[in-house]
Amino acid sequence: MKVMVDLCVVPLGVGVSVGTYVSACQEVIEQAGLSHQMHAYGTNIEGEWEAVFEAVRRCHEVVHDLGAPRITTSMRIGTRTDREQSMSDKIESVQAIRQRGKSGISDSAGSA
């Protein structure tokens, strides 16, 4: 089954700078050959269910191996069975709506 995951891995007990840990987790995802897109507060990942969740497990292992005594992770998980859809499909769909000027927000929205 194909899955899209929005993953946020937060090492605890390592100070305020976590870039080294994020970089290590990105390496795990890349080595797994998964399609992914990092953003400011996490990473979107898509692929087969087993491969994605294996990468999440490996991220935890690697971050612990780097010295993080605790990790808290949040995920949003999406699947669909009616058709295949990629992360880029979802983004392109919204961009197309915006280009047509059909955002659903009127000019007076938000005015008092």
C-alpha atoms as a PDB file:
ATOM      1  CA  MET A   1       0.000   0.000   0.000  1.00  0.00           C
ATOM      2  CA  LYS A   2       1.284   3.478  -0.894  1.00  0.00           C
ATOM      3  CA  VAL A   3       1.475   5.980   1.950  1.00  0.00           C
ATOM      4  CA  MET A   4       2.328   9.640   2.466  1.00  0.00           C
ATOM      5  CA  VAL A   5       3.742  10.621   5.838  1.00  0.00           C
ATOM      6  CA  ASP A   6       4.540  14.002   7.328  1.00  0.00           C
ATOM      7  CA  LEU A   7       7.303  13.108   9.791  1.00  0.00           C
ATOM      8  CA  CYS A   8       8.727  15.248  12.590  1.00  0.00           C
ATOM      9  CA  VAL A   9      11.453  13.596  14.697  1.00  0.00           C
ATOM     10  CA  VAL A  10      12.546  15.628  17.729  1.00  0.00           C
ATOM     11  CA  PRO A  11      15.555  14.463  19.757  1.00  0.00           C
ATOM     12  CA  LEU A  12      15.323  15.357  23.446  1.00  0.00           C
ATOM     13  CA  GLY A  13      18.163  15.958  25.857  1.00  0.00           C
ATOM     14  CA  VAL A  14      20.593  17.172  23.179  1.00  0.00           C
ATOM     15  CA  GLY A  15      20.326  20.952  23.477  1.00  0.00           C
ATOM     16  CA  VAL A  16      18.550  23.403  21.225  1.00  0.00           C
ATOM     17  CA  SER A  17      20.419  22.716  17.974  1.00  0.00           C
ATOM     18  CA  VAL A  18      19.127  19.584  16.250  1.00  0.00           C
ATOM     19  CA  GLY A  19      20.470  20.037  12.700  1.00  0.00           C
ATOM     20  CA  THR A  20      22.915  17.134  12.996  1.00  0.00           C
ATOM     21  CA  TYR A  21      20.094  14.775  13.963  1.00  0.00           C
ATOM     22  CA  VAL A  22      17.786  16.047  11.205  1.00  0.00           C
ATOM     23  CA  SER A  23      20.592  15.610   8.685  1.00  0.00           C
ATOM     24  CA  ALA A  24      21.159  12.012   9.820  1.00  0.00           C
ATOM     25  CA  CYS A  25      17.465  11.220   9.459  1.00  0.00           C
ATOM     26  CA  GLN A  26      17.443  12.775   5.972  1.00  0.00           C
ATOM     27  CA  GLU A  27      20.343  10.486   5.062  1.00  0.00           C
ATOM     28  CA  VAL A  28      18.336   7.453   6.218  1.00  0.00           C
ATOM     29  CA  ILE A  29      15.393   8.489   4.026  1.00  0.00           C
ATOM     30  CA  GLU A  30      17.649   9.071   1.017  1.00  0.00           C
ATOM     31  CA  GLN A  31      19.404   5.726   1.488  1.00  0.00           C
ATOM     32  CA  ALA A  32      15.976   4.058   1.534  1.00  0.00           C
ATOM     33  CA  GLY A  33      15.325   5.527  -1.916  1.00  0.00           C
ATOM     34  CA  LEU A  34      12.083   7.171  -0.803  1.00  0.00           C
ATOM     35  CA  SER A  35      10.618  10.261  -2.404  1.00  0.00           C
ATOM     36  CA  HIS A  36      10.735  13.024   0.192  1.00  0.00           C
ATOM     37  CA  GLN A  37      10.619  16.761   0.706  1.00  0.00           C
ATOM     38  CA  MET A  38      12.039  18.425   3.788  1.00  0.00           C
ATOM     39  CA  HIS A  39      10.255  21.494   5.134  1.00  0.00           C
ATOM     40  CA  ALA A  40      10.831  23.790   8.100  1.00  0.00           C
ATOM     41  CA  TYR A  41       9.215  21.499  10.683  1.00  0.00           C
ATOM     42  CA  GLY A  42       9.636  18.015   9.262  1.00  0.00           C
ATOM     43  CA  THR A  43       9.737  15.911   6.131  1.00  0.00           C
ATOM     44  CA  ASN A  44       7.064  14.644   3.777  1.00  0.00           C
ATOM     45  CA  ILE A  45       7.791  11.087   2.656  1.00  0.00           C
ATOM     46  CA  GLU A  46       5.988   8.873   0.164  1.00  0.00           C
ATOM     47  CA  GLY A  47       6.407   5.237  -0.768  1.00  0.00           C
ATOM     48  CA  GLU A  48       5.301   1.759   0.092  1.00  0.00           C
ATOM     49  CA  TRP A  49       4.024   1.392   3.670  1.00  0.00           C
ATOM     50  CA  GLU A  50       6.727  -1.056   4.788  1.00  0.00           C
ATOM     51  CA  ALA A  51       9.603   0.971   3.330  1.00  0.00           C
ATOM     52  CA  VAL A  52       8.388   4.254   4.822  1.00  0.00           C
ATOM     53  CA  PHE A  53       7.893   2.831   8.303  1.00  0.00           C
ATOM     54  CA  GLU A  54      11.223   1.004   8.134  1.00  0.00           C
ATOM     55  CA  ALA A  55      12.851   4.383   7.422  1.00  0.00           C
ATOM     56  CA  VAL A  56      11.044   5.920  10.415  1.00  0.00           C
ATOM     57  CA  ARG A  57      12.381   3.096  12.610  1.00  0.00           C
ATOM     58  CA  ARG A  58      15.900   3.609  11.225  1.00  0.00           C
ATOM     59  CA  CYS A  59      15.659   7.360  11.891  1.00  0.00           C
ATOM     60  CA  HIS A  60      14.996   6.579  15.544  1.00  0.00           C
ATOM     61  CA  GLU A  61      17.892   4.128  15.692  1.00  0.00           C
ATOM     62  CA  VAL A  62      20.341   6.554  14.076  1.00  0.00           C
ATOM     63  CA  VAL A  63      19.278   9.515  16.226  1.00  0.00           C
ATOM     64  CA  HIS A  64      19.677   7.393  19.377  1.00  0.00           C
ATOM     65  CA  ASP A  65      23.084   6.218  18.117  1.00  0.00           C
ATOM     66  CA  LEU A  66      24.104   9.880  17.804  1.00  0.00           C
ATOM     67  CA  GLY A  67      23.469  10.293  21.538  1.00  0.00           C
ATOM     68  CA  ALA A  68      19.868  11.409  21.887  1.00  0.00           C
ATOM     69  CA  PRO A  69      18.547   9.706  25.033  1.00  0.00           C
ATOM     70  CA  ARG A  70      14.911  10.398  24.085  1.00  0.00           C
ATOM     71  CA  ILE A  71      12.994  11.085  20.887  1.00  0.00           C
ATOM     72  CA  THR A  72       9.479  12.310  20.372  1.00  0.00           C
ATOM     73  CA  THR A  73       7.996  11.861  16.907  1.00  0.00           C
ATOM     74  CA  SER A  74       4.788  13.104  15.376  1.00  0.00           C
ATOM     75  CA  MET A  75       3.377  11.823  12.109  1.00  0.00           C
ATOM     76  CA  ARG A  76       0.430  12.486   9.905  1.00  0.00           C
ATOM     77  CA  ILE A  77      -0.304   9.505   7.703  1.00  0.00           C
ATOM     78  CA  GLY A  78      -2.359   9.440   4.540  1.00  0.00           C
ATOM     79  CA  THR A  79      -3.431   6.623   2.262  1.00  0.00           C
ATOM     80  CA  ARG A  80      -5.965   6.421  -0.512  1.00  0.00           C
ATOM     81  CA  THR A  81      -7.367   3.549  -2.530  1.00  0.00           C
ATOM     82  CA  ASP A  82      -9.393   5.345  -5.207  1.00  0.00           C
ATOM     83  CA  ARG A  83      -6.328   6.414  -7.219  1.00  0.00           C
ATOM     84  CA  GLU A  84      -2.603   6.969  -7.010  1.00  0.00           C
ATOM     85  CA  GLN A  85      -1.509  10.448  -6.005  1.00  0.00           C
ATOM     86  CA  SER A  86       1.956  11.800  -5.296  1.00  0.00           C
ATOM     87  CA  MET A  87       3.087  14.724  -3.179  1.00  0.00           C
ATOM     88  CA  SER A  88       3.755  16.716  -6.335  1.00  0.00           C
ATOM     89  CA  ASP A  89       0.240  15.892  -7.641  1.00  0.00           C
ATOM     90  CA  LYS A  90      -1.265  17.420  -4.495  1.00  0.00           C
ATOM     91  CA  ILE A  91       0.837  20.576  -4.770  1.00  0.00           C
ATOM     92  CA  GLU A  92       0.174  20.982  -8.500  1.00  0.00           C
ATOM     93  CA  SER A  93      -3.573  20.631  -7.921  1.00  0.00           C
ATOM     94  CA  VAL A  94      -3.627  23.549  -5.470  1.00  0.00           C
ATOM     95  CA  GLN A  95      -1.364  25.650  -7.683  1.00  0.00           C
ATOM     96  CA  ALA A  96      -3.689  25.087 -10.654  1.00  0.00           C
ATOM     97  CA  ILE A  97      -6.683  26.236  -8.615  1.00  0.00           C
ATOM     98  CA  ARG A  98      -4.816  29.360  -7.546  1.00  0.00           C
ATOM     99  CA  GLN A  99      -3.780  30.144 -11.125  1.00  0.00           C
ATOM    100  CA  ARG A 100      -7.425  29.939 -12.222  1.00  0.00           C
ATOM    101  CA  GLY A 101      -8.281  32.413  -9.444  1.00  0.00           C
ATOM    102  CA  LYS A 102     -10.713  30.045  -7.746  1.00  0.00           C
ATOM    103  CA  SER A 103      -9.387  30.030  -4.203  1.00  0.00           C
ATOM    104  CA  GLY A 104     -12.868  30.229  -2.702  1.00  0.00           C
ATOM    105  CA  ILE A 105     -12.048  33.406  -0.788  1.00  0.00           C
ATOM    106  CA  SER A 106     -13.960  36.521  -1.732  1.00  0.00           C
ATOM    107  CA  ASP A 107     -12.359  39.958  -1.827  1.00  0.00           C
ATOM    108  CA  SER A 108     -14.298  40.973   1.284  1.00  0.00           C
ATOM    109  CA  ALA A 109     -13.170  37.964   3.332  1.00  0.00           C
ATOM    110  CA  GLY A 110     -11.656  38.980   6.622  1.00  0.00           C
ATOM    111  CA  SER A 111     -12.926  42.553   6.547  1.00  0.00           C
ATOM    112  CA  ALA A 112     -14.933  43.821   9.485  1.00  0.00           C
END
